[in-house]
Amino acid sequence: MKEPHLGHMESDNAGSYISEPVIVTLFGQAFTFELSQYEGDNDRDAFHQAIRHFMALEPSALQQAEAAIFAYYQKINAYFEPDDECYVDIPQASDVWAHIEWGDRITVMRRPYGDKGIYLLLTAWCAWEEDHGLQMVFKHGKAVNMIGPVSGRVSHIDAFGDPSLEEVMYSA
C-alpha cells in the first residue's frame, strides 16, 4: 500500500500498516508510522487527512504543549529532594525539550470512543520519569490534546471517564 505522505507501507498481517522511517520536520528526526487497524477501517481517508495535518504542523504546536509537559515534570519532580538521584532540575517550561528523547514510532489510530477521530500518539523517554515516560497525542493531527505518562490512551476522557477533561491537555 502507498500512503500519500508516508510512501510505501507494509502490512503487519494484523490489520495495521507500517511505513519506512520518514523525517518529521516538527521533531527533526525520522519516525516509523504505524496505521493501527487501518485495513478494516471504513474511512481510511481520515487517516490520510490526519497525517497530512500532522506533517504540516509548525513549531508553535510544540510550544503550546510546553506548559503541560512542564506541569507533568513538576508533579513528578515534587516527589524528590534536590539531592535525590531522581531529581531533575528544569528551571522553566522551554527547557523541557533538552530532557526528552522521542521514540522512533508514531501510532496513528482511531479513537474507539467519543468522536472516534484519528489521533497520532508519540512516546518518549524523559529524564524526570524514567519508568513511565512521556506520551504526546495529536488530535486529528492538528494539535496536541494530551500529555502525560505512556498509557496508550488518546485522551484524558478515555483515561479517567470524565467528560470535563475533553479539552484538558494535562491532568494531574
N, C-alpha and C. Protein backbone atom coordinates (compact mmCIF):
# COMPACT_ATOMS: atom_id res chain seq x y z
N MET A 1 0.84 -1.17 0.00
CA MET A 1 0.00 0.00 0.00
C MET A 1 0.89 1.24 0.00
N LYS A 2 0.38 2.32 -0.59
CA LYS A 2 1.10 3.58 -0.60
C LYS A 2 0.24 4.64 0.07
N GLU A 3 0.81 5.29 1.07
CA GLU A 3 0.15 6.39 1.77
C GLU A 3 0.72 7.68 1.20
N PRO A 4 -0.13 8.68 0.87
CA PRO A 4 0.34 9.88 0.17
C PRO A 4 1.51 10.61 0.83
N HIS A 5 1.58 10.65 2.15
CA HIS A 5 2.62 11.42 2.84
C HIS A 5 3.74 10.55 3.39
N LEU A 6 3.52 9.25 3.44
CA LEU A 6 4.50 8.36 4.05
C LEU A 6 5.15 7.41 3.05
N GLY A 7 4.59 7.31 1.87
CA GLY A 7 5.14 6.42 0.87
C GLY A 7 4.67 4.99 1.06
N HIS A 8 5.51 4.06 0.63
CA HIS A 8 5.16 2.63 0.66
C HIS A 8 5.05 2.14 2.11
N MET A 9 4.00 1.35 2.36
CA MET A 9 3.77 0.78 3.69
C MET A 9 3.53 -0.71 3.55
N GLU A 10 4.00 -1.45 4.54
CA GLU A 10 3.84 -2.90 4.55
C GLU A 10 2.79 -3.30 5.59
N SER A 11 1.98 -4.30 5.25
CA SER A 11 1.01 -4.84 6.20
C SER A 11 1.73 -5.66 7.25
N ASP A 12 1.24 -5.58 8.48
CA ASP A 12 1.81 -6.43 9.54
C ASP A 12 0.97 -7.69 9.74
N ASN A 13 0.03 -7.92 8.84
CA ASN A 13 -0.87 -9.07 8.86
C ASN A 13 -1.80 -9.09 10.07
N ALA A 14 -1.92 -7.95 10.77
CA ALA A 14 -2.86 -7.84 11.88
C ALA A 14 -3.79 -6.64 11.67
N GLY A 15 -3.87 -6.16 10.43
CA GLY A 15 -4.75 -5.05 10.12
C GLY A 15 -4.08 -3.69 10.15
N SER A 16 -2.82 -3.63 10.53
CA SER A 16 -2.09 -2.36 10.58
C SER A 16 -1.07 -2.31 9.45
N TYR A 17 -0.64 -1.08 9.14
CA TYR A 17 0.38 -0.88 8.13
C TYR A 17 1.54 -0.09 8.74
N ILE A 18 2.76 -0.45 8.34
CA ILE A 18 3.97 0.14 8.89
C ILE A 18 4.75 0.79 7.74
N SER A 19 5.21 2.03 8.00
CA SER A 19 5.99 2.76 6.99
C SER A 19 7.48 2.53 7.19
N GLU A 20 8.23 2.92 6.20
CA GLU A 20 9.68 3.07 6.35
C GLU A 20 9.88 4.33 7.19
N PRO A 21 11.06 4.54 7.78
CA PRO A 21 11.29 5.79 8.53
C PRO A 21 11.09 7.02 7.63
N VAL A 22 10.38 8.00 8.18
CA VAL A 22 10.05 9.23 7.46
C VAL A 22 10.46 10.41 8.37
N ILE A 23 11.16 11.39 7.80
CA ILE A 23 11.55 12.58 8.57
C ILE A 23 10.31 13.41 8.89
N VAL A 24 10.16 13.73 10.17
CA VAL A 24 9.10 14.63 10.62
C VAL A 24 9.79 15.93 11.01
N THR A 25 9.61 16.93 10.19
CA THR A 25 10.30 18.21 10.36
C THR A 25 10.05 18.81 11.75
N LEU A 26 8.84 18.68 12.26
CA LEU A 26 8.47 19.23 13.57
C LEU A 26 9.42 18.76 14.67
N PHE A 27 9.88 17.51 14.57
CA PHE A 27 10.76 16.94 15.59
C PHE A 27 12.20 16.84 15.13
N GLY A 28 12.43 17.04 13.84
CA GLY A 28 13.78 16.97 13.31
C GLY A 28 14.38 15.57 13.37
N GLN A 29 13.54 14.57 13.24
CA GLN A 29 14.02 13.18 13.25
C GLN A 29 13.08 12.30 12.45
N ALA A 30 13.55 11.09 12.18
CA ALA A 30 12.76 10.11 11.43
C ALA A 30 11.93 9.25 12.37
N PHE A 31 10.74 8.94 11.95
CA PHE A 31 9.85 8.05 12.68
C PHE A 31 9.28 7.01 11.72
N THR A 32 9.00 5.84 12.23
CA THR A 32 8.22 4.84 11.52
C THR A 32 6.77 5.09 11.94
N PHE A 33 5.86 5.10 10.99
CA PHE A 33 4.45 5.29 11.29
C PHE A 33 3.75 3.94 11.27
N GLU A 34 2.89 3.73 12.24
CA GLU A 34 2.03 2.55 12.27
C GLU A 34 0.59 3.00 12.17
N LEU A 35 -0.08 2.63 11.10
CA LEU A 35 -1.50 2.93 10.94
C LEU A 35 -2.26 1.75 11.54
N SER A 36 -2.67 1.93 12.78
CA SER A 36 -3.27 0.85 13.56
C SER A 36 -4.70 0.54 13.10
N GLN A 37 -4.96 -0.73 12.84
CA GLN A 37 -6.27 -1.22 12.42
C GLN A 37 -6.78 -0.51 11.16
N TYR A 38 -5.87 -0.08 10.32
CA TYR A 38 -6.20 0.64 9.09
C TYR A 38 -6.97 -0.24 8.12
N GLU A 39 -6.55 -1.48 8.00
CA GLU A 39 -7.13 -2.39 7.00
C GLU A 39 -8.65 -2.49 7.10
N GLY A 40 -9.19 -2.60 8.28
CA GLY A 40 -10.63 -2.78 8.44
C GLY A 40 -11.40 -1.49 8.64
N ASP A 41 -10.75 -0.35 8.54
CA ASP A 41 -11.42 0.92 8.81
C ASP A 41 -12.27 1.34 7.61
N ASN A 42 -13.45 1.87 7.88
CA ASN A 42 -14.37 2.28 6.82
C ASN A 42 -14.07 3.66 6.26
N ASP A 43 -13.24 4.45 6.96
CA ASP A 43 -12.91 5.80 6.50
C ASP A 43 -11.40 5.99 6.54
N ARG A 44 -10.71 5.32 5.64
CA ARG A 44 -9.25 5.40 5.59
C ARG A 44 -8.76 6.79 5.25
N ASP A 45 -9.58 7.55 4.53
CA ASP A 45 -9.17 8.90 4.17
C ASP A 45 -8.96 9.76 5.42
N ALA A 46 -9.66 9.48 6.49
CA ALA A 46 -9.46 10.24 7.74
C ALA A 46 -8.03 10.05 8.26
N PHE A 47 -7.46 8.86 8.08
CA PHE A 47 -6.06 8.62 8.45
C PHE A 47 -5.14 9.53 7.63
N HIS A 48 -5.39 9.57 6.30
CA HIS A 48 -4.55 10.36 5.40
C HIS A 48 -4.64 11.85 5.74
N GLN A 49 -5.85 12.33 6.06
CA GLN A 49 -6.03 13.73 6.41
C GLN A 49 -5.28 14.06 7.71
N ALA A 50 -5.39 13.21 8.71
CA ALA A 50 -4.71 13.46 9.99
C ALA A 50 -3.19 13.47 9.80
N ILE A 51 -2.68 12.56 8.98
CA ILE A 51 -1.23 12.54 8.71
C ILE A 51 -0.82 13.80 7.97
N ARG A 52 -1.62 14.23 7.01
CA ARG A 52 -1.32 15.46 6.26
C ARG A 52 -1.26 16.65 7.20
N HIS A 53 -2.25 16.77 8.09
CA HIS A 53 -2.26 17.87 9.06
C HIS A 53 -1.02 17.81 9.95
N PHE A 54 -0.70 16.62 10.43
CA PHE A 54 0.44 16.44 11.33
C PHE A 54 1.75 16.84 10.66
N MET A 55 1.94 16.40 9.44
CA MET A 55 3.19 16.68 8.73
C MET A 55 3.34 18.17 8.41
N ALA A 56 2.25 18.92 8.44
CA ALA A 56 2.30 20.36 8.14
C ALA A 56 2.39 21.23 9.39
N LEU A 57 2.41 20.62 10.58
CA LEU A 57 2.43 21.41 11.82
C LEU A 57 3.68 22.28 11.91
N GLU A 58 3.49 23.44 12.48
CA GLU A 58 4.56 24.40 12.74
C GLU A 58 5.09 24.19 14.17
N PRO A 59 6.29 24.69 14.48
CA PRO A 59 6.85 24.56 15.83
C PRO A 59 5.95 25.10 16.94
N SER A 60 5.07 26.01 16.60
CA SER A 60 4.15 26.55 17.63
C SER A 60 3.29 25.45 18.25
N ALA A 61 3.05 24.36 17.52
CA ALA A 61 2.28 23.24 18.08
C ALA A 61 2.98 22.64 19.29
N LEU A 62 4.30 22.54 19.23
CA LEU A 62 5.05 22.03 20.37
C LEU A 62 5.16 23.08 21.47
N GLN A 63 5.31 24.33 21.09
CA GLN A 63 5.39 25.40 22.09
C GLN A 63 4.12 25.45 22.92
N GLN A 64 2.98 25.17 22.30
CA GLN A 64 1.71 25.18 23.03
C GLN A 64 1.64 24.05 24.04
N ALA A 65 2.46 23.02 23.86
CA ALA A 65 2.47 21.88 24.78
C ALA A 65 3.48 22.04 25.92
N GLU A 66 4.37 23.01 25.83
CA GLU A 66 5.43 23.18 26.82
C GLU A 66 4.91 23.28 28.25
N ALA A 67 3.89 24.10 28.46
CA ALA A 67 3.38 24.30 29.82
C ALA A 67 2.83 22.99 30.39
N ALA A 68 2.15 22.21 29.56
CA ALA A 68 1.60 20.93 30.02
C ALA A 68 2.71 19.94 30.34
N ILE A 69 3.74 19.88 29.50
CA ILE A 69 4.87 18.98 29.76
C ILE A 69 5.59 19.42 31.03
N PHE A 70 5.74 20.72 31.20
CA PHE A 70 6.40 21.26 32.40
C PHE A 70 5.58 20.93 33.65
N ALA A 71 4.26 21.00 33.56
CA ALA A 71 3.39 20.64 34.69
C ALA A 71 3.56 19.16 35.04
N TYR A 72 3.66 18.31 34.04
CA TYR A 72 3.90 16.88 34.26
C TYR A 72 5.24 16.69 34.97
N TYR A 73 6.27 17.36 34.47
CA TYR A 73 7.59 17.31 35.12
C TYR A 73 7.50 17.76 36.58
N GLN A 74 6.84 18.89 36.83
CA GLN A 74 6.77 19.44 38.19
C GLN A 74 6.05 18.48 39.14
N LYS A 75 4.99 17.85 38.66
CA LYS A 75 4.25 16.90 39.50
C LYS A 75 5.16 15.75 39.92
N ILE A 76 5.87 15.17 38.98
CA ILE A 76 6.74 14.03 39.29
C ILE A 76 7.95 14.48 40.11
N ASN A 77 8.56 15.56 39.75
CA ASN A 77 9.77 16.02 40.42
C ASN A 77 9.50 16.46 41.85
N ALA A 78 8.25 16.81 42.17
CA ALA A 78 7.90 17.24 43.53
C ALA A 78 8.07 16.10 44.54
N TYR A 79 8.14 14.88 44.09
CA TYR A 79 8.34 13.74 44.99
C TYR A 79 9.79 13.61 45.45
N PHE A 80 10.69 14.38 44.88
CA PHE A 80 12.11 14.24 45.16
C PHE A 80 12.70 15.52 45.75
N GLU A 81 13.77 15.34 46.49
CA GLU A 81 14.56 16.46 47.01
C GLU A 81 15.72 16.72 46.05
N PRO A 82 16.24 17.95 46.03
CA PRO A 82 17.34 18.27 45.10
C PRO A 82 18.56 17.35 45.22
N ASP A 83 18.79 16.74 46.36
CA ASP A 83 19.95 15.85 46.48
C ASP A 83 19.62 14.39 46.14
N ASP A 84 18.36 14.10 45.77
CA ASP A 84 17.98 12.75 45.35
C ASP A 84 18.51 12.47 43.95
N GLU A 85 18.86 11.22 43.71
CA GLU A 85 19.37 10.81 42.40
C GLU A 85 18.34 11.04 41.29
N CYS A 86 17.05 10.90 41.61
CA CYS A 86 15.99 11.03 40.61
C CYS A 86 15.57 12.47 40.34
N TYR A 87 16.05 13.40 41.14
CA TYR A 87 15.67 14.81 40.98
C TYR A 87 16.27 15.36 39.68
N VAL A 88 15.47 16.09 38.92
CA VAL A 88 15.92 16.72 37.68
C VAL A 88 15.60 18.21 37.78
N ASP A 89 16.59 19.05 37.56
CA ASP A 89 16.39 20.49 37.63
C ASP A 89 16.09 21.05 36.25
N ILE A 90 14.84 21.46 36.07
CA ILE A 90 14.42 22.11 34.83
C ILE A 90 13.82 23.45 35.24
N PRO A 91 14.56 24.54 35.05
CA PRO A 91 14.14 25.83 35.58
C PRO A 91 12.88 26.43 34.95
N GLN A 92 12.64 26.19 33.67
CA GLN A 92 11.47 26.79 33.02
C GLN A 92 10.94 25.87 31.93
N ALA A 93 9.69 26.12 31.54
CA ALA A 93 8.99 25.25 30.59
C ALA A 93 9.76 25.05 29.29
N SER A 94 10.37 26.08 28.77
CA SER A 94 11.06 25.96 27.48
C SER A 94 12.29 25.06 27.56
N ASP A 95 12.72 24.68 28.76
CA ASP A 95 13.88 23.81 28.93
C ASP A 95 13.55 22.31 28.93
N VAL A 96 12.27 21.96 28.91
CA VAL A 96 11.91 20.54 29.00
C VAL A 96 12.44 19.72 27.83
N TRP A 97 12.54 20.34 26.65
CA TRP A 97 12.91 19.60 25.44
C TRP A 97 14.29 18.96 25.55
N ALA A 98 15.19 19.57 26.32
CA ALA A 98 16.54 19.02 26.48
C ALA A 98 16.53 17.74 27.31
N HIS A 99 15.40 17.40 27.92
CA HIS A 99 15.30 16.24 28.80
C HIS A 99 14.37 15.16 28.24
N ILE A 100 14.11 15.24 26.93
CA ILE A 100 13.19 14.31 26.26
C ILE A 100 13.90 13.67 25.08
N GLU A 101 13.76 12.35 24.94
CA GLU A 101 14.25 11.63 23.76
C GLU A 101 13.07 10.86 23.17
N TRP A 102 12.65 11.30 21.99
CA TRP A 102 11.49 10.68 21.35
C TRP A 102 11.82 9.28 20.88
N GLY A 103 10.82 8.42 20.94
CA GLY A 103 10.95 7.08 20.38
C GLY A 103 11.05 7.17 18.87
N ASP A 104 10.93 6.04 18.20
CA ASP A 104 11.08 6.05 16.75
C ASP A 104 9.80 5.68 16.01
N ARG A 105 8.67 5.60 16.74
CA ARG A 105 7.41 5.20 16.11
C ARG A 105 6.30 6.17 16.48
N ILE A 106 5.45 6.43 15.50
CA ILE A 106 4.23 7.20 15.71
C ILE A 106 3.07 6.28 15.36
N THR A 107 2.17 6.10 16.30
CA THR A 107 0.99 5.27 16.06
C THR A 107 -0.16 6.17 15.65
N VAL A 108 -0.76 5.85 14.53
CA VAL A 108 -1.92 6.59 14.01
C VAL A 108 -3.11 5.67 14.22
N MET A 109 -4.07 6.11 15.02
CA MET A 109 -5.17 5.22 15.39
C MET A 109 -6.49 5.96 15.49
N ARG A 110 -7.55 5.20 15.32
CA ARG A 110 -8.89 5.74 15.51
C ARG A 110 -9.24 5.58 16.99
N ARG A 111 -9.73 6.67 17.56
CA ARG A 111 -10.18 6.63 18.96
C ARG A 111 -11.42 5.75 19.05
N PRO A 112 -11.41 4.77 19.93
CA PRO A 112 -12.55 3.84 19.98
C PRO A 112 -13.81 4.44 20.61
N TYR A 113 -13.69 5.58 21.27
CA TYR A 113 -14.83 6.19 21.98
C TYR A 113 -15.00 7.63 21.51
N GLY A 114 -16.01 8.29 22.03
CA GLY A 114 -16.18 9.72 21.79
C GLY A 114 -16.30 10.06 20.32
N ASP A 115 -15.43 10.96 19.85
CA ASP A 115 -15.52 11.44 18.47
C ASP A 115 -15.07 10.41 17.44
N LYS A 116 -14.43 9.36 17.89
CA LYS A 116 -13.91 8.30 17.01
C LYS A 116 -13.03 8.87 15.90
N GLY A 117 -12.34 9.97 16.24
CA GLY A 117 -11.44 10.61 15.29
C GLY A 117 -10.11 9.89 15.21
N ILE A 118 -9.22 10.43 14.39
CA ILE A 118 -7.89 9.86 14.21
C ILE A 118 -6.90 10.64 15.06
N TYR A 119 -6.08 9.92 15.81
CA TYR A 119 -5.11 10.51 16.72
C TYR A 119 -3.73 9.93 16.44
N LEU A 120 -2.71 10.76 16.61
CA LEU A 120 -1.32 10.33 16.44
C LEU A 120 -0.67 10.33 17.81
N LEU A 121 -0.10 9.20 18.19
CA LEU A 121 0.46 9.00 19.52
C LEU A 121 1.97 8.80 19.42
N LEU A 122 2.73 9.62 20.18
CA LEU A 122 4.18 9.51 20.25
C LEU A 122 4.57 9.24 21.68
N THR A 123 5.60 8.44 21.87
CA THR A 123 6.12 8.21 23.21
C THR A 123 7.59 8.61 23.26
N ALA A 124 8.03 8.90 24.48
CA ALA A 124 9.40 9.35 24.66
C ALA A 124 9.93 8.92 26.02
N TRP A 125 11.24 8.84 26.10
CA TRP A 125 11.91 8.73 27.38
C TRP A 125 12.05 10.16 27.89
N CYS A 126 11.84 10.36 29.17
CA CYS A 126 12.07 11.70 29.73
C CYS A 126 12.83 11.54 31.04
N ALA A 127 13.71 12.47 31.31
CA ALA A 127 14.62 12.38 32.46
C ALA A 127 13.91 12.37 33.80
N TRP A 128 12.76 12.98 33.91
CA TRP A 128 12.07 13.08 35.20
C TRP A 128 11.16 11.90 35.49
N GLU A 129 10.89 11.06 34.50
CA GLU A 129 10.00 9.90 34.72
C GLU A 129 10.48 8.75 33.86
N GLU A 130 11.56 8.13 34.29
CA GLU A 130 12.18 7.06 33.50
C GLU A 130 11.31 5.81 33.43
N ASP A 131 10.47 5.58 34.42
CA ASP A 131 9.63 4.37 34.42
C ASP A 131 8.43 4.47 33.49
N HIS A 132 7.76 5.61 33.47
CA HIS A 132 6.52 5.75 32.72
C HIS A 132 6.64 6.63 31.48
N GLY A 133 7.75 7.31 31.33
CA GLY A 133 7.99 8.09 30.13
C GLY A 133 7.02 9.23 29.90
N LEU A 134 6.97 9.66 28.66
CA LEU A 134 6.12 10.77 28.24
C LEU A 134 5.35 10.34 27.01
N GLN A 135 4.09 10.67 26.99
CA GLN A 135 3.24 10.41 25.82
C GLN A 135 2.67 11.74 25.36
N MET A 136 2.71 11.97 24.06
CA MET A 136 2.11 13.17 23.47
C MET A 136 1.17 12.70 22.37
N VAL A 137 -0.06 13.22 22.40
CA VAL A 137 -1.07 12.80 21.44
C VAL A 137 -1.57 14.02 20.66
N PHE A 138 -1.68 13.86 19.34
CA PHE A 138 -2.17 14.91 18.46
C PHE A 138 -3.56 14.53 17.97
N LYS A 139 -4.55 15.35 18.29
CA LYS A 139 -5.94 15.12 17.89
C LYS A 139 -6.12 15.49 16.43
N HIS A 140 -6.56 14.54 15.63
CA HIS A 140 -6.78 14.72 14.19
C HIS A 140 -5.51 15.21 13.48
N GLY A 141 -4.37 15.06 14.13
CA GLY A 141 -3.11 15.51 13.57
C GLY A 141 -2.92 17.01 13.60
N LYS A 142 -3.84 17.74 14.21
CA LYS A 142 -3.84 19.21 14.14
C LYS A 142 -3.20 19.89 15.35
N ALA A 143 -3.32 19.32 16.53
CA ALA A 143 -2.82 19.98 17.74
C ALA A 143 -2.64 18.94 18.84
N VAL A 144 -1.76 19.23 19.78
CA VAL A 144 -1.57 18.35 20.94
C VAL A 144 -2.82 18.43 21.80
N ASN A 145 -3.37 17.27 22.14
CA ASN A 145 -4.53 17.27 23.03
C ASN A 145 -4.27 16.51 24.33
N MET A 146 -3.15 15.77 24.42
CA MET A 146 -2.90 15.01 25.64
C MET A 146 -1.40 14.88 25.89
N ILE A 147 -1.03 15.15 27.13
CA ILE A 147 0.33 14.99 27.64
C ILE A 147 0.23 14.16 28.91
N GLY A 148 1.17 13.27 29.13
CA GLY A 148 1.19 12.51 30.38
C GLY A 148 2.09 11.30 30.26
N PRO A 149 2.01 10.42 31.25
CA PRO A 149 2.79 9.18 31.17
C PRO A 149 2.25 8.29 30.05
N VAL A 150 3.07 7.40 29.57
CA VAL A 150 2.65 6.50 28.49
C VAL A 150 1.52 5.60 28.99
N SER A 151 0.39 5.66 28.28
CA SER A 151 -0.78 4.87 28.67
C SER A 151 -1.43 4.18 27.48
N GLY A 152 -1.15 4.66 26.27
CA GLY A 152 -1.80 4.11 25.09
C GLY A 152 -3.16 4.71 24.83
N ARG A 153 -3.67 5.51 25.76
CA ARG A 153 -4.95 6.19 25.56
C ARG A 153 -4.69 7.48 24.79
N VAL A 154 -5.73 8.00 24.13
CA VAL A 154 -5.54 9.20 23.32
C VAL A 154 -6.22 10.44 23.88
N SER A 155 -6.90 10.32 25.02
CA SER A 155 -7.50 11.49 25.66
C SER A 155 -7.64 11.22 27.15
N HIS A 156 -7.74 12.30 27.90
CA HIS A 156 -7.93 12.15 29.35
C HIS A 156 -9.34 11.66 29.67
N ILE A 157 -10.30 11.93 28.80
CA ILE A 157 -11.64 11.36 28.98
C ILE A 157 -11.55 9.84 28.99
N ASP A 158 -10.84 9.29 28.01
CA ASP A 158 -10.71 7.84 27.92
C ASP A 158 -9.96 7.29 29.13
N ALA A 159 -9.00 8.05 29.64
CA ALA A 159 -8.20 7.59 30.77
C ALA A 159 -8.98 7.64 32.08
N PHE A 160 -9.79 8.70 32.27
CA PHE A 160 -10.44 8.91 33.57
C PHE A 160 -11.97 8.83 33.52
N GLY A 161 -12.56 8.73 32.33
CA GLY A 161 -14.02 8.63 32.21
C GLY A 161 -14.74 9.91 32.61
N ASP A 162 -14.07 11.05 32.52
CA ASP A 162 -14.64 12.32 32.95
C ASP A 162 -14.78 13.24 31.74
N PRO A 163 -16.01 13.49 31.25
CA PRO A 163 -16.22 14.31 30.06
C PRO A 163 -15.68 15.74 30.19
N SER A 164 -15.51 16.24 31.40
CA SER A 164 -14.99 17.61 31.56
C SER A 164 -13.52 17.71 31.15
N LEU A 165 -12.87 16.57 30.91
CA LEU A 165 -11.45 16.56 30.55
C LEU A 165 -11.23 16.56 29.03
N GLU A 166 -12.28 16.75 28.25
CA GLU A 166 -12.18 16.71 26.79
C GLU A 166 -11.11 17.67 26.25
N GLU A 167 -11.05 18.86 26.77
CA GLU A 167 -10.12 19.87 26.26
C GLU A 167 -8.90 20.06 27.16
N VAL A 168 -8.67 19.16 28.10
CA VAL A 168 -7.56 19.28 29.04
C VAL A 168 -6.34 18.56 28.47
N MET A 169 -5.25 19.30 28.27
CA MET A 169 -4.04 18.72 27.70
C MET A 169 -3.29 17.86 28.72
N TYR A 170 -3.23 18.34 29.97
CA TYR A 170 -2.56 17.56 31.02
C TYR A 170 -3.44 17.56 32.25
N SER A 171 -3.66 16.39 32.80
CA SER A 171 -4.46 16.24 34.01
C SER A 171 -3.63 15.53 35.07
N ALA A 172 -3.31 16.25 36.13
CA ALA A 172 -2.51 15.68 37.22
C ALA A 172 -3.37 14.73 38.01
